Amino acid sequence: MKPLLFLAAACCLIPLSGTATAQTAWPERPVTVVVPFPAGGATDAAARAMATQMQASLGQPFVVDNRPGATGTLGAGLVKRAAPDGYTLMVASLAPYVIAPHLMKAVPYDALKDFDYLSVLVQAPNVLVAAPAKKARTVADVLAELRASPGRVSFASSGTGASDHLSAELFWQQTQTSGLHVPYKGGAPAINDLLGNQVDYSFQNVNAVLQQIRAGTLHAIAVTGSRRSPVLPDTPTLAEAGVQGAEVYSWQGLAAPRGLPPAVREKAAAAAAAAMRAPAVAQRLTEQGLEIVANTPAEFSALQAREFARWKHLIETRRITVD
């Protein structure tokens, strides 16, 4: 009987071994990388840089599929419903991961339960910029203006609930001031009106206004990061300027439908991180004002939970709603 028992045990192990081999062999066919925003922005740039490098290292096509709409939630809902097999991934900004669920009533996913978080690819602080006609050059100048004209100094944003809007809300909260929020349908029109002196200030992503700052058409006052931006070394942080607790980073992260096989999860995360650290990719994105993060699934999961709770608190405290 012992030989028969041994044979039965061996047969039971065969399917497990085959499954492990299949997981390790991933990818064996093209992988779709959903970007829930239009082409051309920072999220799209990070996704395409990652996809190109992963295709080269893993030997299968990584195809970027832009699915914009509803602050990234439409594309995120699509990914949530995909099979958790590693052949549908998503690169998104923090909006669908940690902000939109607190602003929108019908988000088609649970950000805390429906995704496997693989790696934060890049991050960038926002930068407080002044319109060309403004004389303010320091945070103290801006605060003096806010206190002299409460609720009347205008701050443009790319939309209600975007990181540039929430940076302004956090800035006002921490300095006990109030400004006038002017939301736009995207960063480009907000920047255009800022350049045209239609609005006073904005907390824009560094990479979005770097050229205008270097050209002198927008004045950089402070960055929202924990340290100075490598591309704006002469611009102080808000903390250096005396405003504590207003640190904000805009970031782009790679996720997948919840339930990836562990081997696929670890391989995909490692390959994505390696792709972002590739010298050519890192140099190109860094020159644009993006900072390479390329962290682990555990680190991304912890960040997502912290950011989810943080922005929930701010949105509720400031009573921010989407009209």
C-alpha atoms as a PDB file:
ATOM      1  CA  MET A   1       0.000   0.000   0.000  1.00  0.00           C
ATOM      2  CA  LYS A   2       2.874   2.393   0.640  1.00  0.00           C
ATOM      3  CA  PRO A   3       3.856   2.604  -3.066  1.00  0.00           C
ATOM      4  CA  LEU A   4       0.217   3.384  -3.943  1.00  0.00           C
ATOM      5  CA  LEU A   5       0.041   6.095  -1.293  1.00  0.00           C
ATOM      6  CA  PHE A   6       3.267   7.614  -2.596  1.00  0.00           C
ATOM      7  CA  LEU A   7       1.926   7.574  -6.157  1.00  0.00           C
ATOM      8  CA  ALA A   8      -1.304   9.274  -5.102  1.00  0.00           C
ATOM      9  CA  ALA A   9       0.598  11.961  -3.241  1.00  0.00           C
ATOM     10  CA  ALA A  10       2.812  12.567  -6.234  1.00  0.00           C
ATOM     11  CA  CYS A  11      -0.206  12.918  -8.526  1.00  0.00           C
ATOM     12  CA  CYS A  12      -1.721  15.491  -6.183  1.00  0.00           C
ATOM     13  CA  LEU A  13       1.403  17.596  -6.470  1.00  0.00           C
ATOM     14  CA  ILE A  14       1.407  17.752 -10.259  1.00  0.00           C
ATOM     15  CA  PRO A  15      -1.297  20.447 -10.672  1.00  0.00           C
ATOM     16  CA  LEU A  16       0.319  22.645  -8.021  1.00  0.00           C
ATOM     17  CA  SER A  17       3.678  22.403  -9.752  1.00  0.00           C
ATOM     18  CA  GLY A  18       2.109  23.228 -13.101  1.00  0.00           C
ATOM     19  CA  THR A  19       0.347  26.282 -11.670  1.00  0.00           C
ATOM     20  CA  ALA A  20       3.540  27.579 -10.107  1.00  0.00           C
ATOM     21  CA  THR A  21       5.372  27.137 -13.413  1.00  0.00           C
ATOM     22  CA  ALA A  22       2.666  29.030 -15.287  1.00  0.00           C
ATOM     23  CA  GLN A  23       2.825  31.875 -12.784  1.00  0.00           C
ATOM     24  CA  THR A  24       6.598  32.068 -12.982  1.00  0.00           C
ATOM     25  CA  ALA A  25       6.425  32.085 -16.789  1.00  0.00           C
ATOM     26  CA  TRP A  26       4.259  35.202 -16.840  1.00  0.00           C
ATOM     27  CA  PRO A  27       3.850  36.948 -19.227  1.00  0.00           C
ATOM     28  CA  GLU A  28       3.164  34.486 -22.014  1.00  0.00           C
ATOM     29  CA  ARG A  29       1.042  36.873 -24.113  1.00  0.00           C
ATOM     30  CA  PRO A  30       0.525  40.655 -24.458  1.00  0.00           C
ATOM     31  CA  VAL A  31      -0.260  42.674 -21.326  1.00  0.00           C
ATOM     32  CA  THR A  32      -2.682  45.616 -21.367  1.00  0.00           C
ATOM     33  CA  VAL A  33      -1.711  48.636 -19.263  1.00  0.00           C
ATOM     34  CA  VAL A  34      -4.791  50.779 -18.688  1.00  0.00           C
ATOM     35  CA  VAL A  35      -4.213  54.500 -18.141  1.00  0.00           C
ATOM     36  CA  PRO A  36      -7.508  56.056 -16.973  1.00  0.00           C
ATOM     37  CA  PHE A  37      -6.570  59.483 -18.346  1.00  0.00           C
ATOM     38  CA  PRO A  38      -5.956  60.988 -21.801  1.00  0.00           C
ATOM     39  CA  ALA A  39      -2.613  60.581 -23.533  1.00  0.00           C
ATOM     40  CA  GLY A  40       0.014  63.240 -22.994  1.00  0.00           C
ATOM     41  CA  GLY A  41      -0.009  63.815 -19.241  1.00  0.00           C
ATOM     42  CA  ALA A  42       2.393  62.728 -16.510  1.00  0.00           C
ATOM     43  CA  THR A  43       0.511  59.490 -15.848  1.00  0.00           C
ATOM     44  CA  ASP A  44       0.596  58.551 -19.515  1.00  0.00           C
ATOM     45  CA  ALA A  45       4.301  59.400 -19.754  1.00  0.00           C
ATOM     46  CA  ALA A  46       5.176  57.230 -16.754  1.00  0.00           C
ATOM     47  CA  ALA A  47       3.052  54.347 -18.043  1.00  0.00           C
ATOM     48  CA  ARG A  48       4.599  54.396 -21.510  1.00  0.00           C
ATOM     49  CA  ALA A  49       8.136  54.576 -20.151  1.00  0.00           C
ATOM     50  CA  MET A  50       7.416  51.621 -17.867  1.00  0.00           C
ATOM     51  CA  ALA A  51       5.664  49.610 -20.591  1.00  0.00           C
ATOM     52  CA  THR A  52       8.506  50.044 -23.069  1.00  0.00           C
ATOM     53  CA  GLN A  53      11.097  48.826 -20.577  1.00  0.00           C
ATOM     54  CA  MET A  54       8.974  45.915 -19.331  1.00  0.00           C
ATOM     55  CA  GLN A  55       8.369  44.797 -22.901  1.00  0.00           C
ATOM     56  CA  ALA A  56      12.117  44.764 -23.510  1.00  0.00           C
ATOM     57  CA  SER A  57      12.928  42.892 -20.304  1.00  0.00           C
ATOM     58  CA  LEU A  58      10.049  40.399 -20.294  1.00  0.00           C
ATOM     59  CA  GLY A  59       9.750  39.687 -24.017  1.00  0.00           C
ATOM     60  CA  GLN A  60       6.014  40.330 -24.467  1.00  0.00           C
ATOM     61  CA  PRO A  61       4.135  43.432 -25.690  1.00  0.00           C
ATOM     62  CA  PHE A  62       2.927  45.833 -22.975  1.00  0.00           C
ATOM     63  CA  VAL A  63       0.200  47.879 -24.651  1.00  0.00           C
ATOM     64  CA  VAL A  64      -0.939  51.171 -23.106  1.00  0.00           C
ATOM     65  CA  ASP A  65      -4.708  51.636 -23.360  1.00  0.00           C
ATOM     66  CA  ASN A  66      -5.991  55.130 -22.473  1.00  0.00           C
ATOM     67  CA  ARG A  67      -9.485  54.976 -20.933  1.00  0.00           C
ATOM     68  CA  PRO A  68     -10.224  58.497 -19.624  1.00  0.00           C
ATOM     69  CA  GLY A  69     -13.331  59.648 -17.820  1.00  0.00           C
ATOM     70  CA  ALA A  70     -14.769  60.586 -14.427  1.00  0.00           C
ATOM     71  CA  THR A  71     -11.452  61.534 -12.793  1.00  0.00           C
ATOM     72  CA  GLY A  72      -9.939  58.167 -13.667  1.00  0.00           C
ATOM     73  CA  THR A  73     -12.699  56.123 -12.075  1.00  0.00           C
ATOM     74  CA  LEU A  74     -14.092  54.713 -15.322  1.00  0.00           C
ATOM     75  CA  GLY A  75     -10.783  53.113 -16.255  1.00  0.00           C
ATOM     76  CA  ALA A  76     -10.224  51.948 -12.695  1.00  0.00           C
ATOM     77  CA  GLY A  77     -13.637  50.268 -12.720  1.00  0.00           C
ATOM     78  CA  LEU A  78     -12.700  48.492 -15.933  1.00  0.00           C
ATOM     79  CA  VAL A  79      -9.518  47.155 -14.335  1.00  0.00           C
ATOM     80  CA  LYS A  80     -11.368  46.083 -11.201  1.00  0.00           C
ATOM     81  CA  ARG A  81     -13.613  43.854 -13.349  1.00  0.00           C
ATOM     82  CA  ALA A  82     -10.715  42.273 -15.277  1.00  0.00           C
ATOM     83  CA  ALA A  83      -9.354  38.818 -14.499  1.00  0.00           C
ATOM     84  CA  PRO A  84      -6.613  38.901 -11.829  1.00  0.00           C
ATOM     85  CA  ASP A  85      -4.120  37.047 -14.016  1.00  0.00           C
ATOM     86  CA  GLY A  86      -1.497  39.735 -14.657  1.00  0.00           C
ATOM     87  CA  TYR A  87      -2.648  40.533 -18.189  1.00  0.00           C
ATOM     88  CA  THR A  88      -4.509  43.707 -17.213  1.00  0.00           C
ATOM     89  CA  LEU A  89      -2.588  46.310 -15.205  1.00  0.00           C
ATOM     90  CA  MET A  90      -3.260  49.972 -14.458  1.00  0.00           C
ATOM     91  CA  VAL A  91      -1.075  53.043 -14.061  1.00  0.00           C
ATOM     92  CA  ALA A  92      -2.999  55.887 -12.439  1.00  0.00           C
ATOM     93  CA  SER A  93      -2.401  59.028 -10.429  1.00  0.00           C
ATOM     94  CA  LEU A  94      -3.497  59.320  -6.822  1.00  0.00           C
ATOM     95  CA  ALA A  95      -6.935  60.621  -7.900  1.00  0.00           C
ATOM     96  CA  PRO A  96      -8.759  57.298  -8.448  1.00  0.00           C
ATOM     97  CA  TYR A  97      -6.772  55.544  -5.725  1.00  0.00           C
ATOM     98  CA  VAL A  98      -7.259  57.919  -2.775  1.00  0.00           C
ATOM     99  CA  ILE A  99      -9.295  61.021  -3.677  1.00  0.00           C
ATOM    100  CA  ALA A 100     -12.229  60.278  -5.989  1.00  0.00           C
ATOM    101  CA  PRO A 101     -13.775  57.678  -3.633  1.00  0.00           C
ATOM    102  CA  HIS A 102     -14.412  60.501  -1.136  1.00  0.00           C
ATOM    103  CA  LEU A 103     -15.842  62.942  -3.667  1.00  0.00           C
ATOM    104  CA  MET A 104     -17.966  60.833  -6.003  1.00  0.00           C
ATOM    105  CA  LYS A 105     -21.098  58.917  -5.060  1.00  0.00           C
ATOM    106  CA  ALA A 106     -20.913  56.159  -7.674  1.00  0.00           C
ATOM    107  CA  VAL A 107     -17.296  55.042  -7.841  1.00  0.00           C
ATOM    108  CA  PRO A 108     -17.388  51.560  -9.453  1.00  0.00           C
ATOM    109  CA  TYR A 109     -14.804  49.977  -7.151  1.00  0.00           C
ATOM    110  CA  ASP A 110     -13.560  49.857  -3.573  1.00  0.00           C
ATOM    111  CA  ALA A 111     -10.086  51.371  -3.550  1.00  0.00           C
ATOM    112  CA  LEU A 112      -9.180  49.558  -0.323  1.00  0.00           C
ATOM    113  CA  LYS A 113     -10.303  46.105  -1.446  1.00  0.00           C
ATOM    114  CA  ASP A 114     -10.374  45.765  -5.237  1.00  0.00           C
ATOM    115  CA  PHE A 115      -6.730  46.265  -6.267  1.00  0.00           C
ATOM    116  CA  ASP A 116      -3.341  44.718  -5.682  1.00  0.00           C
ATOM    117  CA  TYR A 117      -0.955  47.647  -5.294  1.00  0.00           C
ATOM    118  CA  LEU A 118       2.347  46.861  -6.999  1.00  0.00           C
ATOM    119  CA  SER A 119       4.602  49.927  -7.084  1.00  0.00           C
ATOM    120  CA  VAL A 120       4.547  53.704  -6.942  1.00  0.00           C
ATOM    121  CA  LEU A 121       6.461  54.552 -10.089  1.00  0.00           C
ATOM    122  CA  VAL A 122       7.114  58.292  -9.762  1.00  0.00           C
ATOM    123  CA  GLN A 123       6.131  61.269  -7.660  1.00  0.00           C
ATOM    124  CA  ALA A 124       6.417  65.027  -7.892  1.00  0.00           C
ATOM    125  CA  PRO A 125       5.645  67.818  -5.453  1.00  0.00           C
ATOM    126  CA  ASN A 126       3.333  70.622  -6.397  1.00  0.00           C
ATOM    127  CA  VAL A 127       4.731  74.111  -6.661  1.00  0.00           C
ATOM    128  CA  LEU A 128       3.006  77.312  -5.618  1.00  0.00           C
ATOM    129  CA  VAL A 129       3.284  79.635  -8.604  1.00  0.00           C
ATOM    130  CA  ALA A 130       2.211  83.247  -9.039  1.00  0.00           C
ATOM    131  CA  ALA A 131       0.791  84.849 -12.172  1.00  0.00           C
ATOM    132  CA  PRO A 132       3.189  87.118 -14.107  1.00  0.00           C
ATOM    133  CA  ALA A 133       1.601  90.325 -12.798  1.00  0.00           C
ATOM    134  CA  LYS A 134       1.823  89.320  -9.134  1.00  0.00           C
ATOM    135  CA  LYS A 135       4.563  90.924  -7.037  1.00  0.00           C
ATOM    136  CA  ALA A 136       4.643  88.139  -4.418  1.00  0.00           C
ATOM    137  CA  ARG A 137       7.908  86.226  -4.327  1.00  0.00           C
ATOM    138  CA  THR A 138       7.721  84.513  -0.920  1.00  0.00           C
ATOM    139  CA  VAL A 139       5.180  82.538   1.096  1.00  0.00           C
ATOM    140  CA  ALA A 140       5.065  85.454   3.526  1.00  0.00           C
ATOM    141  CA  ASP A 141       3.996  87.737   0.664  1.00  0.00           C
ATOM    142  CA  VAL A 142       1.182  85.354  -0.293  1.00  0.00           C
ATOM    143  CA  LEU A 143      -0.024  85.029   3.305  1.00  0.00           C
ATOM    144  CA  ALA A 144      -0.053  88.791   3.733  1.00  0.00           C
ATOM    145  CA  GLU A 145      -2.247  89.119   0.653  1.00  0.00           C
ATOM    146  CA  LEU A 146      -4.602  86.357   1.834  1.00  0.00           C
ATOM    147  CA  ARG A 147      -5.007  88.004   5.242  1.00  0.00           C
ATOM    148  CA  ALA A 148      -5.604  91.405   3.695  1.00  0.00           C
ATOM    149  CA  SER A 149      -8.292  90.050   1.324  1.00  0.00           C
ATOM    150  CA  PRO A 150      -9.842  86.912   2.865  1.00  0.00           C
ATOM    151  CA  GLY A 151     -11.662  84.702   0.373  1.00  0.00           C
ATOM    152  CA  ARG A 152     -10.842  86.936  -2.593  1.00  0.00           C
ATOM    153  CA  VAL A 153      -7.343  85.901  -3.704  1.00  0.00           C
ATOM    154  CA  SER A 154      -7.873  83.334  -6.478  1.00  0.00           C
ATOM    155  CA  PHE A 155      -6.184  79.934  -6.768  1.00  0.00           C
ATOM    156  CA  ALA A 156      -6.653  77.985  -9.999  1.00  0.00           C
ATOM    157  CA  SER A 157      -6.828  74.195 -10.099  1.00  0.00           C
ATOM    158  CA  SER A 158      -7.268  71.495 -12.714  1.00  0.00           C
ATOM    159  CA  GLY A 159     -10.563  70.527 -11.075  1.00  0.00           C
ATOM    160  CA  THR A 160     -12.316  70.030  -7.760  1.00  0.00           C
ATOM    161  CA  GLY A 161     -10.527  67.347  -5.766  1.00  0.00           C
ATOM    162  CA  ALA A 162      -7.361  67.385  -7.870  1.00  0.00           C
ATOM    163  CA  SER A 163      -4.057  67.487  -6.023  1.00  0.00           C
ATOM    164  CA  ASP A 164      -3.551  71.167  -6.911  1.00  0.00           C
ATOM    165  CA  HIS A 165      -6.943  71.994  -5.381  1.00  0.00           C
ATOM    166  CA  LEU A 166      -6.318  69.922  -2.254  1.00  0.00           C
ATOM    167  CA  SER A 167      -2.865  71.493  -1.877  1.00  0.00           C
ATOM    168  CA  ALA A 168      -4.527  74.908  -1.728  1.00  0.00           C
ATOM    169  CA  GLU A 169      -7.122  73.693   0.781  1.00  0.00           C
ATOM    170  CA  LEU A 170      -4.396  72.215   2.964  1.00  0.00           C
ATOM    171  CA  PHE A 171      -2.348  75.423   2.682  1.00  0.00           C
ATOM    172  CA  TRP A 172      -5.323  77.540   3.769  1.00  0.00           C
ATOM    173  CA  GLN A 173      -6.120  75.139   6.596  1.00  0.00           C
ATOM    174  CA  GLN A 174      -2.590  75.098   7.977  1.00  0.00           C
ATOM    175  CA  THR A 175      -2.181  78.884   7.749  1.00  0.00           C
ATOM    176  CA  GLN A 176      -5.729  79.710   8.918  1.00  0.00           C
ATOM    177  CA  THR A 177      -6.383  81.741   5.796  1.00  0.00           C
ATOM    178  CA  SER A 178      -8.964  81.514   3.030  1.00  0.00           C
ATOM    179  CA  GLY A 179      -8.700  81.951  -0.724  1.00  0.00           C
ATOM    180  CA  LEU A 180     -10.999  81.651  -3.723  1.00  0.00           C
ATOM    181  CA  HIS A 181     -10.856  78.279  -5.476  1.00  0.00           C
ATOM    182  CA  VAL A 182     -11.273  78.505  -9.270  1.00  0.00           C
ATOM    183  CA  PRO A 183     -11.600  74.995 -10.771  1.00  0.00           C
ATOM    184  CA  TYR A 184     -10.910  74.295 -14.445  1.00  0.00           C
ATOM    185  CA  LYS A 185     -11.472  71.256 -16.628  1.00  0.00           C
ATOM    186  CA  GLY A 186      -7.824  70.212 -16.671  1.00  0.00           C
ATOM    187  CA  GLY A 187      -4.409  71.644 -15.944  1.00  0.00           C
ATOM    188  CA  ALA A 188      -3.824  73.281 -19.342  1.00  0.00           C
ATOM    189  CA  PRO A 189      -6.686  75.822 -19.154  1.00  0.00           C
ATOM    190  CA  ALA A 190      -5.797  76.599 -15.537  1.00  0.00           C
ATOM    191  CA  ILE A 191      -2.207  77.329 -16.511  1.00  0.00           C
ATOM    192  CA  ASN A 192      -3.302  79.395 -19.530  1.00  0.00           C
ATOM    193  CA  ASP A 193      -5.475  81.657 -17.365  1.00  0.00           C
ATOM    194  CA  LEU A 194      -2.693  81.906 -14.809  1.00  0.00           C
ATOM    195  CA  LEU A 195      -0.320  83.060 -17.544  1.00  0.00           C
ATOM    196  CA  GLY A 196      -2.968  85.530 -18.680  1.00  0.00           C
ATOM    197  CA  ASN A 197      -3.346  86.974 -15.154  1.00  0.00           C
ATOM    198  CA  GLN A 198      -6.987  85.849 -14.965  1.00  0.00           C
ATOM    199  CA  VAL A 199      -6.191  84.131 -11.652  1.00  0.00           C
ATOM    200  CA  ASP A 200      -3.587  84.907  -9.009  1.00  0.00           C
ATOM    201  CA  TYR A 201      -1.935  81.666  -7.880  1.00  0.00           C
ATOM    202  CA  SER A 202      -1.960  77.914  -8.311  1.00  0.00           C
ATOM    203  CA  PHE A 203      -0.389  74.811  -6.779  1.00  0.00           C
ATOM    204  CA  GLN A 204       0.589  73.076 -10.014  1.00  0.00           C
ATOM    205  CA  ASN A 205       2.518  69.842 -10.518  1.00  0.00           C
ATOM    206  CA  VAL A 206       6.178  70.777 -10.922  1.00  0.00           C
ATOM    207  CA  ASN A 207       6.447  68.941 -14.229  1.00  0.00           C
ATOM    208  CA  ALA A 208       3.427  70.822 -15.639  1.00  0.00           C
ATOM    209  CA  VAL A 209       4.877  74.325 -15.176  1.00  0.00           C
ATOM    210  CA  LEU A 210       8.624  73.725 -15.186  1.00  0.00           C
ATOM    211  CA  GLN A 211       9.127  75.325 -18.599  1.00  0.00           C
ATOM    212  CA  GLN A 212       7.176  78.437 -17.653  1.00  0.00           C
ATOM    213  CA  ILE A 213       9.121  78.796 -14.406  1.00  0.00           C
ATOM    214  CA  ARG A 214      12.432  78.470 -16.221  1.00  0.00           C
ATOM    215  CA  ALA A 215      11.253  81.014 -18.800  1.00  0.00           C
ATOM    216  CA  GLY A 216      10.299  83.431 -16.032  1.00  0.00           C
ATOM    217  CA  THR A 217       6.644  83.686 -17.066  1.00  0.00           C
ATOM    218  CA  LEU A 218       5.476  82.103 -13.806  1.00  0.00           C
ATOM    219  CA  HIS A 219       7.088  82.798 -10.445  1.00  0.00           C
ATOM    220  CA  ALA A 220       7.869  79.764  -8.253  1.00  0.00           C
ATOM    221  CA  ILE A 221       7.287  80.532  -4.583  1.00  0.00           C
ATOM    222  CA  ALA A 222       7.510  77.191  -2.740  1.00  0.00           C
ATOM    223  CA  VAL A 223       7.219  73.446  -3.342  1.00  0.00           C
ATOM    224  CA  THR A 224       4.998  71.115  -1.339  1.00  0.00           C
ATOM    225  CA  GLY A 225       7.531  68.286  -0.984  1.00  0.00           C
ATOM    226  CA  SER A 226       9.460  67.162   2.065  1.00  0.00           C
ATOM    227  CA  ARG A 227      12.622  68.387   0.351  1.00  0.00           C
ATOM    228  CA  ARG A 228      13.476  70.762  -2.461  1.00  0.00           C
ATOM    229  CA  SER A 229      12.788  69.554  -5.975  1.00  0.00           C
ATOM    230  CA  PRO A 230      15.932  68.577  -7.907  1.00  0.00           C
ATOM    231  CA  VAL A 231      14.707  70.649 -10.863  1.00  0.00           C
ATOM    232  CA  LEU A 232      13.923  73.699  -8.675  1.00  0.00           C
ATOM    233  CA  PRO A 233      16.830  73.700  -6.225  1.00  0.00           C
ATOM    234  CA  ASP A 234      16.471  77.404  -5.406  1.00  0.00           C
ATOM    235  CA  THR A 235      12.777  77.152  -4.494  1.00  0.00           C
ATOM    236  CA  PRO A 236      12.167  76.467  -0.785  1.00  0.00           C
ATOM    237  CA  THR A 237       9.684  73.973   0.592  1.00  0.00           C
ATOM    238  CA  LEU A 238       6.586  75.206   2.390  1.00  0.00           C
ATOM    239  CA  ALA A 239       8.076  73.852   5.607  1.00  0.00           C
ATOM    240  CA  GLU A 240      11.223  75.909   5.095  1.00  0.00           C
ATOM    241  CA  ALA A 241       8.966  78.930   4.620  1.00  0.00           C
ATOM    242  CA  GLY A 242       7.250  78.252   7.954  1.00  0.00           C
ATOM    243  CA  VAL A 243       4.136  76.326   6.841  1.00  0.00           C
ATOM    244  CA  GLN A 244       4.095  72.918   8.515  1.00  0.00           C
ATOM    245  CA  GLY A 245       1.851  69.958   7.722  1.00  0.00           C
ATOM    246  CA  ALA A 246       1.188  70.908   4.101  1.00  0.00           C
ATOM    247  CA  GLU A 247       3.397  68.331   2.382  1.00  0.00           C
ATOM    248  CA  VAL A 248       1.815  67.010  -0.812  1.00  0.00           C
ATOM    249  CA  TYR A 249       3.109  64.773  -3.578  1.00  0.00           C
ATOM    250  CA  SER A 250       1.302  63.908  -6.747  1.00  0.00           C
ATOM    251  CA  TRP A 251       2.184  60.308  -7.631  1.00  0.00           C
ATOM    252  CA  GLN A 252       1.573  57.626 -10.249  1.00  0.00           C
ATOM    253  CA  GLY A 253       1.262  53.973  -9.234  1.00  0.00           C
ATOM    254  CA  LEU A 254       0.923  50.545 -10.827  1.00  0.00           C
ATOM    255  CA  ALA A 255      -1.929  48.305  -9.685  1.00  0.00           C
ATOM    256  CA  ALA A 256      -3.825  45.210 -10.814  1.00  0.00           C
ATOM    257  CA  PRO A 257      -7.175  43.567 -10.064  1.00  0.00           C
ATOM    258  CA  ARG A 258      -7.167  42.094  -6.568  1.00  0.00           C
ATOM    259  CA  GLY A 259      -6.140  38.448  -6.434  1.00  0.00           C
ATOM    260  CA  LEU A 260      -2.994  38.238  -8.552  1.00  0.00           C
ATOM    261  CA  PRO A 261      -1.084  34.985  -8.037  1.00  0.00           C
ATOM    262  CA  PRO A 262       1.772  35.810  -5.639  1.00  0.00           C
ATOM    263  CA  ALA A 263       4.484  34.900  -8.136  1.00  0.00           C
ATOM    264  CA  VAL A 264       2.959  37.150 -10.790  1.00  0.00           C
ATOM    265  CA  ARG A 265       2.510  39.991  -8.306  1.00  0.00           C
ATOM    266  CA  GLU A 266       6.120  39.898  -7.220  1.00  0.00           C
ATOM    267  CA  LYS A 267       7.476  39.508 -10.759  1.00  0.00           C
ATOM    268  CA  ALA A 268       5.369  42.346 -12.156  1.00  0.00           C
ATOM    269  CA  ALA A 269       6.266  44.684  -9.299  1.00  0.00           C
ATOM    270  CA  ALA A 270       9.974  43.923  -9.557  1.00  0.00           C
ATOM    271  CA  ALA A 271       9.978  44.362 -13.333  1.00  0.00           C
ATOM    272  CA  ALA A 272       8.132  47.678 -13.084  1.00  0.00           C
ATOM    273  CA  ALA A 273      10.521  48.995 -10.452  1.00  0.00           C
ATOM    274  CA  ALA A 274      13.513  47.917 -12.528  1.00  0.00           C
ATOM    275  CA  ALA A 275      11.991  49.613 -15.584  1.00  0.00           C
ATOM    276  CA  MET A 276      11.694  52.930 -13.775  1.00  0.00           C
ATOM    277  CA  ARG A 277      15.276  52.692 -12.517  1.00  0.00           C
ATOM    278  CA  ALA A 278      16.672  52.053 -16.006  1.00  0.00           C
ATOM    279  CA  PRO A 279      19.150  54.902 -16.584  1.00  0.00           C
ATOM    280  CA  ALA A 280      17.539  56.239 -19.758  1.00  0.00           C
ATOM    281  CA  VAL A 281      14.037  56.198 -18.240  1.00  0.00           C
ATOM    282  CA  ALA A 282      15.112  57.704 -14.927  1.00  0.00           C
ATOM    283  CA  GLN A 283      17.054  60.496 -16.615  1.00  0.00           C
ATOM    284  CA  ARG A 284      14.239  61.405 -19.005  1.00  0.00           C
ATOM    285  CA  LEU A 285      11.534  61.502 -16.326  1.00  0.00           C
ATOM    286  CA  THR A 286      13.747  63.284 -13.799  1.00  0.00           C
ATOM    287  CA  GLU A 287      14.476  66.024 -16.324  1.00  0.00           C
ATOM    288  CA  GLN A 288      10.699  66.522 -16.602  1.00  0.00           C
ATOM    289  CA  GLY A 289      10.413  67.092 -12.845  1.00  0.00           C
ATOM    290  CA  LEU A 290       9.293  63.596 -11.851  1.00  0.00           C
ATOM    291  CA  GLU A 291      11.102  61.749  -9.058  1.00  0.00           C
ATOM    292  CA  ILE A 292      11.620  57.984  -9.360  1.00  0.00           C
ATOM    293  CA  VAL A 293      10.098  56.015  -6.466  1.00  0.00           C
ATOM    294  CA  ALA A 294       9.855  52.388  -7.712  1.00  0.00           C
ATOM    295  CA  ASN A 295       8.887  50.952  -4.330  1.00  0.00           C
ATOM    296  CA  THR A 296       7.541  47.532  -3.281  1.00  0.00           C
ATOM    297  CA  PRO A 297       3.957  46.215  -3.097  1.00  0.00           C
ATOM    298  CA  ALA A 298       4.042  46.442   0.695  1.00  0.00           C
ATOM    299  CA  GLU A 299       5.269  50.034   0.588  1.00  0.00           C
ATOM    300  CA  PHE A 300       2.667  51.060  -1.988  1.00  0.00           C
ATOM    301  CA  SER A 301      -0.134  49.388  -0.025  1.00  0.00           C
ATOM    302  CA  ALA A 302       0.906  51.237   3.128  1.00  0.00           C
ATOM    303  CA  LEU A 303       1.094  54.558   1.264  1.00  0.00           C
ATOM    304  CA  GLN A 304      -2.325  54.029  -0.322  1.00  0.00           C
ATOM    305  CA  ALA A 305      -3.911  53.373   3.083  1.00  0.00           C
ATOM    306  CA  ARG A 306      -2.284  56.482   4.615  1.00  0.00           C
ATOM    307  CA  GLU A 307      -3.193  58.733   1.696  1.00  0.00           C
ATOM    308  CA  PHE A 308      -6.750  57.361   1.566  1.00  0.00           C
ATOM    309  CA  ALA A 309      -7.310  58.275   5.219  1.00  0.00           C
ATOM    310  CA  ARG A 310      -5.526  61.614   4.931  1.00  0.00           C
ATOM    311  CA  TRP A 311      -7.501  62.946   1.982  1.00  0.00           C
ATOM    312  CA  LYS A 312     -10.759  61.591   3.382  1.00  0.00           C
ATOM    313  CA  HIS A 313     -10.162  63.643   6.523  1.00  0.00           C
ATOM    314  CA  LEU A 314      -9.299  66.813   4.604  1.00  0.00           C
ATOM    315  CA  ILE A 315     -12.247  66.501   2.203  1.00  0.00           C
ATOM    316  CA  GLU A 316     -14.670  65.977   5.064  1.00  0.00           C
ATOM    317  CA  THR A 317     -13.143  68.676   7.249  1.00  0.00           C
ATOM    318  CA  ARG A 318     -13.123  71.256   4.455  1.00  0.00           C
ATOM    319  CA  ARG A 319     -16.551  70.096   3.226  1.00  0.00           C
ATOM    320  CA  ILE A 320     -15.303  69.698  -0.337  1.00  0.00           C
ATOM    321  CA  THR A 321     -17.906  68.432  -2.779  1.00  0.00           C
ATOM    322  CA  VAL A 322     -18.152  67.895  -6.529  1.00  0.00           C
ATOM    323  CA  ASP A 323     -20.946  70.017  -7.969  1.00  0.00           C
END
